[in-house]
Amino acid sequence: MEDIRSILDRYPQRELDIRRLATRSPVFRSVCGDYQQTVRALRYWEKMAAESASRVEDYTSFLKELETEILTTLNRSIANVVQTKPDEE
């Protein structure tokens, strides 16, 4: 599951949640794969000359959008697990 490496590096405190959801959700894995590719592209463009500044800005913005989508999905997943647990009396 190399596709989740970058998001795990970014949010190590959410590793268990990320791994669990990645094993269950192909859509989530796909978004994580998009995140991985965006990180690589951003790193590439950051190394380029000053004329790449607009690309760096674009990839940085896209990365933030993907982070938001990933965290929203994780939080919904956790909320669903909590709601489906039987009430303890």
PDB file of N, CA and C in Angstrom:
ATOM      1  N   MET A   1       0.819  -1.186   0.000  1.00  0.00           N
ATOM      2  CA  MET A   1       0.000   0.000   0.000  1.00  0.00           C
ATOM      3  C   MET A   1       0.866   1.255   0.000  1.00  0.00           C
ATOM      4  N   GLU A   2       1.677   1.355  -1.009  1.00  0.00           N
ATOM      5  CA  GLU A   2       2.559   2.516  -1.149  1.00  0.00           C
ATOM      6  C   GLU A   2       1.775   3.809  -1.346  1.00  0.00           C
ATOM      7  N   ASP A   3       0.556   3.712  -1.843  1.00  0.00           N
ATOM      8  CA  ASP A   3      -0.245   4.912  -2.110  1.00  0.00           C
ATOM      9  C   ASP A   3      -0.569   5.704  -0.850  1.00  0.00           C
ATOM     10  N   ILE A   4      -0.454   5.098   0.305  1.00  0.00           N
ATOM     11  CA  ILE A   4      -0.797   5.826   1.534  1.00  0.00           C
ATOM     12  C   ILE A   4       0.429   6.392   2.247  1.00  0.00           C
ATOM     13  N   ARG A   5       1.619   6.153   1.721  1.00  0.00           N
ATOM     14  CA  ARG A   5       2.843   6.575   2.399  1.00  0.00           C
ATOM     15  C   ARG A   5       2.872   8.078   2.679  1.00  0.00           C
ATOM     16  N   SER A   6       2.582   8.892   1.692  1.00  0.00           N
ATOM     17  CA  SER A   6       2.670  10.355   1.882  1.00  0.00           C
ATOM     18  C   SER A   6       1.655  10.866   2.893  1.00  0.00           C
ATOM     19  N   ILE A   7       0.452  10.327   2.861  1.00  0.00           N
ATOM     20  CA  ILE A   7      -0.559  10.798   3.807  1.00  0.00           C
ATOM     21  C   ILE A   7      -0.221  10.303   5.223  1.00  0.00           C
ATOM     22  N   LEU A   8       0.395   9.142   5.327  1.00  0.00           N
ATOM     23  CA  LEU A   8       0.859   8.669   6.637  1.00  0.00           C
ATOM     24  C   LEU A   8       1.978   9.565   7.165  1.00  0.00           C
ATOM     25  N   ASP A   9       2.862  10.002   6.262  1.00  0.00           N
ATOM     26  CA  ASP A   9       3.933  10.914   6.673  1.00  0.00           C
ATOM     27  C   ASP A   9       3.366  12.250   7.139  1.00  0.00           C
ATOM     28  N   ARG A  10       2.294  12.687   6.491  1.00  0.00           N
ATOM     29  CA  ARG A  10       1.685  13.980   6.819  1.00  0.00           C
ATOM     30  C   ARG A  10       0.872  13.907   8.116  1.00  0.00           C
ATOM     31  N   TYR A  11       0.198  12.793   8.342  1.00  0.00           N
ATOM     32  CA  TYR A  11      -0.664  12.628   9.524  1.00  0.00           C
ATOM     33  C   TYR A  11      -0.326  11.333  10.265  1.00  0.00           C
ATOM     34  N   PRO A  12       0.849  11.246  10.859  1.00  0.00           N
ATOM     35  CA  PRO A  12       1.233   9.998  11.538  1.00  0.00           C
ATOM     36  C   PRO A  12       0.312   9.651  12.709  1.00  0.00           C
ATOM     37  N   GLN A  13      -0.296  10.648  13.325  1.00  0.00           N
ATOM     38  CA  GLN A  13      -1.201  10.407  14.446  1.00  0.00           C
ATOM     39  C   GLN A  13      -2.492   9.723  13.991  1.00  0.00           C
ATOM     40  N   ARG A  14      -2.769   9.717  12.693  1.00  0.00           N
ATOM     41  CA  ARG A  14      -3.983   9.082  12.154  1.00  0.00           C
ATOM     42  C   ARG A  14      -3.669   7.764  11.445  1.00  0.00           C
ATOM     43  N   GLU A  15      -2.475   7.228  11.663  1.00  0.00           N
ATOM     44  CA  GLU A  15      -2.027   6.047  10.926  1.00  0.00           C
ATOM     45  C   GLU A  15      -3.016   4.886  11.006  1.00  0.00           C
ATOM     46  N   LEU A  16      -3.483   4.556  12.182  1.00  0.00           N
ATOM     47  CA  LEU A  16      -4.399   3.422  12.323  1.00  0.00           C
ATOM     48  C   LEU A  16      -5.687   3.656  11.528  1.00  0.00           C
ATOM     49  N   ASP A  17      -6.245   4.855  11.642  1.00  0.00           N
ATOM     50  CA  ASP A  17      -7.466   5.182  10.897  1.00  0.00           C
ATOM     51  C   ASP A  17      -7.234   5.110   9.388  1.00  0.00           C
ATOM     52  N   ILE A  18      -6.112   5.652   8.943  1.00  0.00           N
ATOM     53  CA  ILE A  18      -5.794   5.657   7.516  1.00  0.00           C
ATOM     54  C   ILE A  18      -5.640   4.233   7.004  1.00  0.00           C
ATOM     55  N   ARG A  19      -4.883   3.429   7.723  1.00  0.00           N
ATOM     56  CA  ARG A  19      -4.676   2.040   7.287  1.00  0.00           C
ATOM     57  C   ARG A  19      -5.989   1.248   7.255  1.00  0.00           C
ATOM     58  N   ARG A  20      -6.814   1.424   8.268  1.00  0.00           N
ATOM     59  CA  ARG A  20      -8.095   0.705   8.307  1.00  0.00           C
ATOM     60  C   ARG A  20      -8.981   1.081   7.122  1.00  0.00           C
ATOM     61  N   LEU A  21      -9.109   2.384   6.893  1.00  0.00           N
ATOM     62  CA  LEU A  21      -9.981   2.820   5.814  1.00  0.00           C
ATOM     63  C   LEU A  21      -9.403   2.454   4.447  1.00  0.00           C
ATOM     64  N   ALA A  22      -8.099   2.498   4.312  1.00  0.00           N
ATOM     65  CA  ALA A  22      -7.465   2.141   3.041  1.00  0.00           C
ATOM     66  C   ALA A  22      -7.687   0.666   2.701  1.00  0.00           C
ATOM     67  N   THR A  23      -7.769  -0.183   3.707  1.00  0.00           N
ATOM     68  CA  THR A  23      -8.015  -1.602   3.423  1.00  0.00           C
ATOM     69  C   THR A  23      -9.460  -1.862   3.022  1.00  0.00           C
ATOM     70  N   ARG A  24     -10.387  -0.985   3.457  1.00  0.00           N
ATOM     71  CA  ARG A  24     -11.811  -1.193   3.186  1.00  0.00           C
ATOM     72  C   ARG A  24     -12.353  -0.409   1.999  1.00  0.00           C
ATOM     73  N   SER A  25     -11.705   0.685   1.641  1.00  0.00           N
ATOM     74  CA  SER A  25     -12.304   1.587   0.661  1.00  0.00           C
ATOM     75  C   SER A  25     -11.398   1.844  -0.546  1.00  0.00           C
ATOM     76  N   PRO A  26     -11.751   1.299  -1.696  1.00  0.00           N
ATOM     77  CA  PRO A  26     -10.979   1.581  -2.906  1.00  0.00           C
ATOM     78  C   PRO A  26     -11.003   3.066  -3.287  1.00  0.00           C
ATOM     79  N   VAL A  27     -12.105   3.742  -2.998  1.00  0.00           N
ATOM     80  CA  VAL A  27     -12.199   5.172  -3.305  1.00  0.00           C
ATOM     81  C   VAL A  27     -11.202   5.952  -2.441  1.00  0.00           C
ATOM     82  N   PHE A  28     -11.144   5.617  -1.164  1.00  0.00           N
ATOM     83  CA  PHE A  28     -10.199   6.282  -0.261  1.00  0.00           C
ATOM     84  C   PHE A  28      -8.764   6.017  -0.707  1.00  0.00           C
ATOM     85  N   ARG A  29      -8.469   4.772  -1.073  1.00  0.00           N
ATOM     86  CA  ARG A  29      -7.118   4.445  -1.572  1.00  0.00           C
ATOM     87  C   ARG A  29      -6.791   5.261  -2.810  1.00  0.00           C
ATOM     88  N   SER A  30      -7.768   5.450  -3.667  1.00  0.00           N
ATOM     89  CA  SER A  30      -7.557   6.227  -4.881  1.00  0.00           C
ATOM     90  C   SER A  30      -7.219   7.686  -4.558  1.00  0.00           C
ATOM     91  N   VAL A  31      -7.939   8.263  -3.607  1.00  0.00           N
ATOM     92  CA  VAL A  31      -7.654   9.638  -3.198  1.00  0.00           C
ATOM     93  C   VAL A  31      -6.259   9.718  -2.581  1.00  0.00           C
ATOM     94  N   CYS A  32      -5.903   8.715  -1.795  1.00  0.00           N
ATOM     95  CA  CYS A  32      -4.557   8.679  -1.223  1.00  0.00           C
ATOM     96  C   CYS A  32      -3.504   8.559  -2.324  1.00  0.00           C
ATOM     97  N   GLY A  33      -3.811   7.798  -3.369  1.00  0.00           N
ATOM     98  CA  GLY A  33      -2.901   7.683  -4.517  1.00  0.00           C
ATOM     99  C   GLY A  33      -2.753   9.020  -5.226  1.00  0.00           C
ATOM    100  N   ASP A  34      -3.855   9.745  -5.370  1.00  0.00           N
ATOM    101  CA  ASP A  34      -3.793  11.085  -5.956  1.00  0.00           C
ATOM    102  C   ASP A  34      -2.916  11.993  -5.099  1.00  0.00           C
ATOM    103  N   TYR A  35      -3.064  11.869  -3.805  1.00  0.00           N
ATOM    104  CA  TYR A  35      -2.259  12.664  -2.873  1.00  0.00           C
ATOM    105  C   TYR A  35      -0.780  12.343  -3.053  1.00  0.00           C
ATOM    106  N   GLN A  36      -0.460  11.058  -3.134  1.00  0.00           N
ATOM    107  CA  GLN A  36       0.922  10.608  -3.324  1.00  0.00           C
ATOM    108  C   GLN A  36       1.507  11.211  -4.606  1.00  0.00           C
ATOM    109  N   GLN A  37       0.769  11.149  -5.696  1.00  0.00           N
ATOM    110  CA  GLN A  37       1.245  11.685  -6.972  1.00  0.00           C
ATOM    111  C   GLN A  37       1.406  13.204  -6.918  1.00  0.00           C
ATOM    112  N   THR A  38       0.506  13.858  -6.218  1.00  0.00           N
ATOM    113  CA  THR A  38       0.585  15.314  -6.094  1.00  0.00           C
ATOM    114  C   THR A  38       1.802  15.725  -5.279  1.00  0.00           C
ATOM    115  N   VAL A  39       2.102  14.991  -4.220  1.00  0.00           N
ATOM    116  CA  VAL A  39       3.301  15.272  -3.425  1.00  0.00           C
ATOM    117  C   VAL A  39       4.543  15.141  -4.299  1.00  0.00           C
ATOM    118  N   ARG A  40       4.609  14.087  -5.089  1.00  0.00           N
ATOM    119  CA  ARG A  40       5.765  13.897  -5.975  1.00  0.00           C
ATOM    120  C   ARG A  40       5.891  15.032  -6.981  1.00  0.00           C
ATOM    121  N   ALA A  41       4.770  15.415  -7.584  1.00  0.00           N
ATOM    122  CA  ALA A  41       4.797  16.503  -8.562  1.00  0.00           C
ATOM    123  C   ALA A  41       5.212  17.815  -7.900  1.00  0.00           C
ATOM    124  N   LEU A  42       4.683  18.078  -6.714  1.00  0.00           N
ATOM    125  CA  LEU A  42       5.042  19.297  -6.000  1.00  0.00           C
ATOM    126  C   LEU A  42       6.532  19.330  -5.701  1.00  0.00           C
ATOM    127  N   ARG A  43       7.075  18.237  -5.237  1.00  0.00           N
ATOM    128  CA  ARG A  43       8.521  18.174  -4.955  1.00  0.00           C
ATOM    129  C   ARG A  43       9.333  18.444  -6.213  1.00  0.00           C
ATOM    130  N   TYR A  44       8.891  17.882  -7.336  1.00  0.00           N
ATOM    131  CA  TYR A  44       9.579  18.096  -8.606  1.00  0.00           C
ATOM    132  C   TYR A  44       9.585  19.583  -8.972  1.00  0.00           C
ATOM    133  N   TRP A  45       8.410  20.206  -8.920  1.00  0.00           N
ATOM    134  CA  TRP A  45       8.308  21.598  -9.334  1.00  0.00           C
ATOM    135  C   TRP A  45       8.987  22.546  -8.353  1.00  0.00           C
ATOM    136  N   GLU A  46       9.066  22.171  -7.098  1.00  0.00           N
ATOM    137  CA  GLU A  46       9.779  23.002  -6.125  1.00  0.00           C
ATOM    138  C   GLU A  46      11.270  23.062  -6.444  1.00  0.00           C
ATOM    139  N   LYS A  47      11.793  22.010  -7.061  1.00  0.00           N
ATOM    140  CA  LYS A  47      13.216  21.961  -7.403  1.00  0.00           C
ATOM    141  C   LYS A  47      13.539  22.733  -8.688  1.00  0.00           C
ATOM    142  N   MET A  48      12.522  23.031  -9.466  1.00  0.00           N
ATOM    143  CA  MET A  48      12.723  23.725 -10.736  1.00  0.00           C
ATOM    144  C   MET A  48      12.978  25.217 -10.490  1.00  0.00           C
ATOM    145  N   ALA A  49      13.320  25.900 -11.542  1.00  0.00           N
ATOM    146  CA  ALA A  49      13.649  27.330 -11.472  1.00  0.00           C
ATOM    147  C   ALA A  49      12.424  28.172 -11.110  1.00  0.00           C
ATOM    148  N   ALA A  50      12.633  29.439 -10.950  1.00  0.00           N
ATOM    149  CA  ALA A  50      11.588  30.366 -10.503  1.00  0.00           C
ATOM    150  C   ALA A  50      10.366  30.379 -11.416  1.00  0.00           C
ATOM    151  N   GLU A  51      10.524  30.058 -12.687  1.00  0.00           N
ATOM    152  CA  GLU A  51       9.382  30.081 -13.599  1.00  0.00           C
ATOM    153  C   GLU A  51       8.335  29.018 -13.269  1.00  0.00           C
ATOM    154  N   SER A  52       8.652  28.122 -12.373  1.00  0.00           N
ATOM    155  CA  SER A  52       7.692  27.090 -11.979  1.00  0.00           C
ATOM    156  C   SER A  52       6.856  27.498 -10.766  1.00  0.00           C
ATOM    157  N   ALA A  53       6.970  28.716 -10.321  1.00  0.00           N
ATOM    158  CA  ALA A  53       6.274  29.160  -9.108  1.00  0.00           C
ATOM    159  C   ALA A  53       4.769  28.959  -9.205  1.00  0.00           C
ATOM    160  N   SER A  54       4.181  29.203 -10.365  1.00  0.00           N
ATOM    161  CA  SER A  54       2.736  29.035 -10.492  1.00  0.00           C
ATOM    162  C   SER A  54       2.341  27.562 -10.386  1.00  0.00           C
ATOM    163  N   ARG A  55       3.173  26.679 -10.880  1.00  0.00           N
ATOM    164  CA  ARG A  55       2.884  25.239 -10.750  1.00  0.00           C
ATOM    165  C   ARG A  55       2.988  24.806  -9.292  1.00  0.00           C
ATOM    166  N   VAL A  56       3.982  25.297  -8.594  1.00  0.00           N
ATOM    167  CA  VAL A  56       4.124  24.985  -7.167  1.00  0.00           C
ATOM    168  C   VAL A  56       2.879  25.451  -6.429  1.00  0.00           C
ATOM    169  N   GLU A  57       2.414  26.631  -6.757  1.00  0.00           N
ATOM    170  CA  GLU A  57       1.202  27.161  -6.129  1.00  0.00           C
ATOM    171  C   GLU A  57      -0.010  26.275  -6.440  1.00  0.00           C
ATOM    172  N   ASP A  58      -0.132  25.849  -7.694  1.00  0.00           N
ATOM    173  CA  ASP A  58      -1.246  24.986  -8.096  1.00  0.00           C
ATOM    174  C   ASP A  58      -1.216  23.653  -7.356  1.00  0.00           C
ATOM    175  N   TYR A  59      -0.048  23.017  -7.313  1.00  0.00           N
ATOM    176  CA  TYR A  59       0.058  21.718  -6.644  1.00  0.00           C
ATOM    177  C   TYR A  59      -0.125  21.846  -5.134  1.00  0.00           C
ATOM    178  N   THR A  60       0.344  22.924  -4.560  1.00  0.00           N
ATOM    179  CA  THR A  60       0.140  23.152  -3.127  1.00  0.00           C
ATOM    180  C   THR A  60      -1.342  23.289  -2.823  1.00  0.00           C
ATOM    181  N   SER A  61      -2.059  24.012  -3.658  1.00  0.00           N
ATOM    182  CA  SER A  61      -3.490  24.175  -3.481  1.00  0.00           C
ATOM    183  C   SER A  61      -4.221  22.838  -3.636  1.00  0.00           C
ATOM    184  N   PHE A  62      -3.858  22.079  -4.661  1.00  0.00           N
ATOM    185  CA  PHE A  62      -4.480  20.777  -4.886  1.00  0.00           C
ATOM    186  C   PHE A  62      -4.201  19.840  -3.711  1.00  0.00           C
ATOM    187  N   LEU A  63      -2.987  19.885  -3.193  1.00  0.00           N
ATOM    188  CA  LEU A  63      -2.624  19.052  -2.050  1.00  0.00           C
ATOM    189  C   LEU A  63      -3.508  19.369  -0.846  1.00  0.00           C
ATOM    190  N   LYS A  64      -3.759  20.640  -0.611  1.00  0.00           N
ATOM    191  CA  LYS A  64      -4.625  21.038   0.506  1.00  0.00           C
ATOM    192  C   LYS A  64      -6.049  20.533   0.309  1.00  0.00           C
ATOM    193  N   GLU A  65      -6.537  20.589  -0.932  1.00  0.00           N
ATOM    194  CA  GLU A  65      -7.876  20.073  -1.222  1.00  0.00           C
ATOM    195  C   GLU A  65      -7.949  18.572  -0.957  1.00  0.00           C
ATOM    196  N   LEU A  66      -6.911  17.847  -1.359  1.00  0.00           N
ATOM    197  CA  LEU A  66      -6.883  16.397  -1.125  1.00  0.00           C
ATOM    198  C   LEU A  66      -6.796  16.087   0.366  1.00  0.00           C
ATOM    199  N   GLU A  67      -6.004  16.852   1.100  1.00  0.00           N
ATOM    200  CA  GLU A  67      -5.925  16.651   2.550  1.00  0.00           C
ATOM    201  C   GLU A  67      -7.294  16.828   3.192  1.00  0.00           C
ATOM    202  N   THR A  68      -7.999  17.858   2.779  1.00  0.00           N
ATOM    203  CA  THR A  68      -9.338  18.102   3.317  1.00  0.00           C
ATOM    204  C   THR A  68     -10.259  16.929   3.015  1.00  0.00           C
ATOM    205  N   GLU A  69     -10.219  16.444   1.780  1.00  0.00           N
ATOM    206  CA  GLU A  69     -11.064  15.310   1.397  1.00  0.00           C
ATOM    207  C   GLU A  69     -10.707  14.061   2.201  1.00  0.00           C
ATOM    208  N   ILE A  70      -9.427  13.799   2.376  1.00  0.00           N
ATOM    209  CA  ILE A  70      -8.985  12.623   3.120  1.00  0.00           C
ATOM    210  C   ILE A  70      -9.413  12.716   4.579  1.00  0.00           C
ATOM    211  N   LEU A  71      -9.178  13.861   5.206  1.00  0.00           N
ATOM    212  CA  LEU A  71      -9.541  14.017   6.621  1.00  0.00           C
ATOM    213  C   LEU A  71     -11.052  13.967   6.825  1.00  0.00           C
ATOM    214  N   THR A  72     -11.804  14.540   5.910  1.00  0.00           N
ATOM    215  CA  THR A  72     -13.260  14.478   5.998  1.00  0.00           C
ATOM    216  C   THR A  72     -13.741  13.039   5.911  1.00  0.00           C
ATOM    217  N   THR A  73     -13.166  12.282   4.988  1.00  0.00           N
ATOM    218  CA  THR A  73     -13.528  10.877   4.832  1.00  0.00           C
ATOM    219  C   THR A  73     -13.166  10.075   6.075  1.00  0.00           C
ATOM    220  N   LEU A  74     -11.983  10.317   6.617  1.00  0.00           N
ATOM    221  CA  LEU A  74     -11.572   9.628   7.845  1.00  0.00           C
ATOM    222  C   LEU A  74     -12.529   9.943   8.990  1.00  0.00           C
ATOM    223  N   ASN A  75     -12.846  11.214   9.148  1.00  0.00           N
ATOM    224  CA  ASN A  75     -13.722  11.618  10.253  1.00  0.00           C
ATOM    225  C   ASN A  75     -15.121  11.032  10.108  1.00  0.00           C
ATOM    226  N   ARG A  76     -15.637  10.979   8.893  1.00  0.00           N
ATOM    227  CA  ARG A  76     -16.950  10.356   8.669  1.00  0.00           C
ATOM    228  C   ARG A  76     -16.896   8.867   8.996  1.00  0.00           C
ATOM    229  N   SER A  77     -15.817   8.228   8.591  1.00  0.00           N
ATOM    230  CA  SER A  77     -15.663   6.796   8.834  1.00  0.00           C
ATOM    231  C   SER A  77     -15.651   6.501  10.330  1.00  0.00           C
ATOM    232  N   ILE A  78     -14.928   7.304  11.075  1.00  0.00           N
ATOM    233  CA  ILE A  78     -14.849   7.120  12.521  1.00  0.00           C
ATOM    234  C   ILE A  78     -16.207   7.394  13.156  1.00  0.00           C
ATOM    235  N   ALA A  79     -16.892   8.430  12.682  1.00  0.00           N
ATOM    236  CA  ALA A  79     -18.217   8.743  13.220  1.00  0.00           C
ATOM    237  C   ALA A  79     -19.188   7.598  12.973  1.00  0.00           C
ATOM    238  N   ASN A  80     -19.084   6.965  11.804  1.00  0.00           N
ATOM    239  CA  ASN A  80     -19.959   5.824  11.494  1.00  0.00           C
ATOM    240  C   ASN A  80     -19.673   4.647  12.414  1.00  0.00           C
ATOM    241  N   VAL A  81     -18.420   4.417  12.730  1.00  0.00           N
ATOM    242  CA  VAL A  81     -18.051   3.318  13.628  1.00  0.00           C
ATOM    243  C   VAL A  81     -18.601   3.594  15.017  1.00  0.00           C
ATOM    244  N   VAL A  82     -18.456   4.819  15.487  1.00  0.00           N
ATOM    245  CA  VAL A  82     -18.946   5.175  16.821  1.00  0.00           C
ATOM    246  C   VAL A  82     -20.462   5.041  16.879  1.00  0.00           C
ATOM    247  N   GLN A  83     -21.164   5.445  15.835  1.00  0.00           N
ATOM    248  CA  GLN A  83     -22.631   5.372  15.823  1.00  0.00           C
ATOM    249  C   GLN A  83     -23.131   3.940  15.769  1.00  0.00           C
ATOM    250  N   THR A  84     -22.370   3.026  15.196  1.00  0.00           N
ATOM    251  CA  THR A  84     -22.836   1.649  15.065  1.00  0.00           C
ATOM    252  C   THR A  84     -22.466   0.781  16.254  1.00  0.00           C
ATOM    253  N   LYS A  85     -21.683   1.302  17.192  1.00  0.00           N
ATOM    254  CA  LYS A  85     -21.362   0.521  18.395  1.00  0.00           C
ATOM    255  C   LYS A  85     -22.593   0.422  19.269  1.00  0.00           C
ATOM    256  N   PRO A  86     -22.821  -0.740  19.857  1.00  0.00           N
ATOM    257  CA  PRO A  86     -23.982  -0.875  20.761  1.00  0.00           C
ATOM    258  C   PRO A  86     -23.783  -0.009  22.003  1.00  0.00           C
ATOM    259  N   ASP A  87     -24.875   0.522  22.486  1.00  0.00           N
ATOM    260  CA  ASP A  87     -24.821   1.332  23.703  1.00  0.00           C
ATOM    261  C   ASP A  87     -24.472   0.458  24.894  1.00  0.00           C
ATOM    262  N   GLU A  88     -23.568   1.015  25.700  1.00  0.00           N
ATOM    263  CA  GLU A  88     -23.195   0.291  26.924  1.00  0.00           C
ATOM    264  C   GLU A  88     -24.056   0.798  28.066  1.00  0.00           C
ATOM    265  N   GLU A  89     -24.575  -0.076  28.819  1.00  0.00           N
ATOM    266  CA  GLU A  89     -25.426   0.325  29.950  1.00  0.00           C
ATOM    267  C   GLU A  89     -24.778  -0.031  31.251  1.00  0.00           C
TER     268      GLU A  89
END
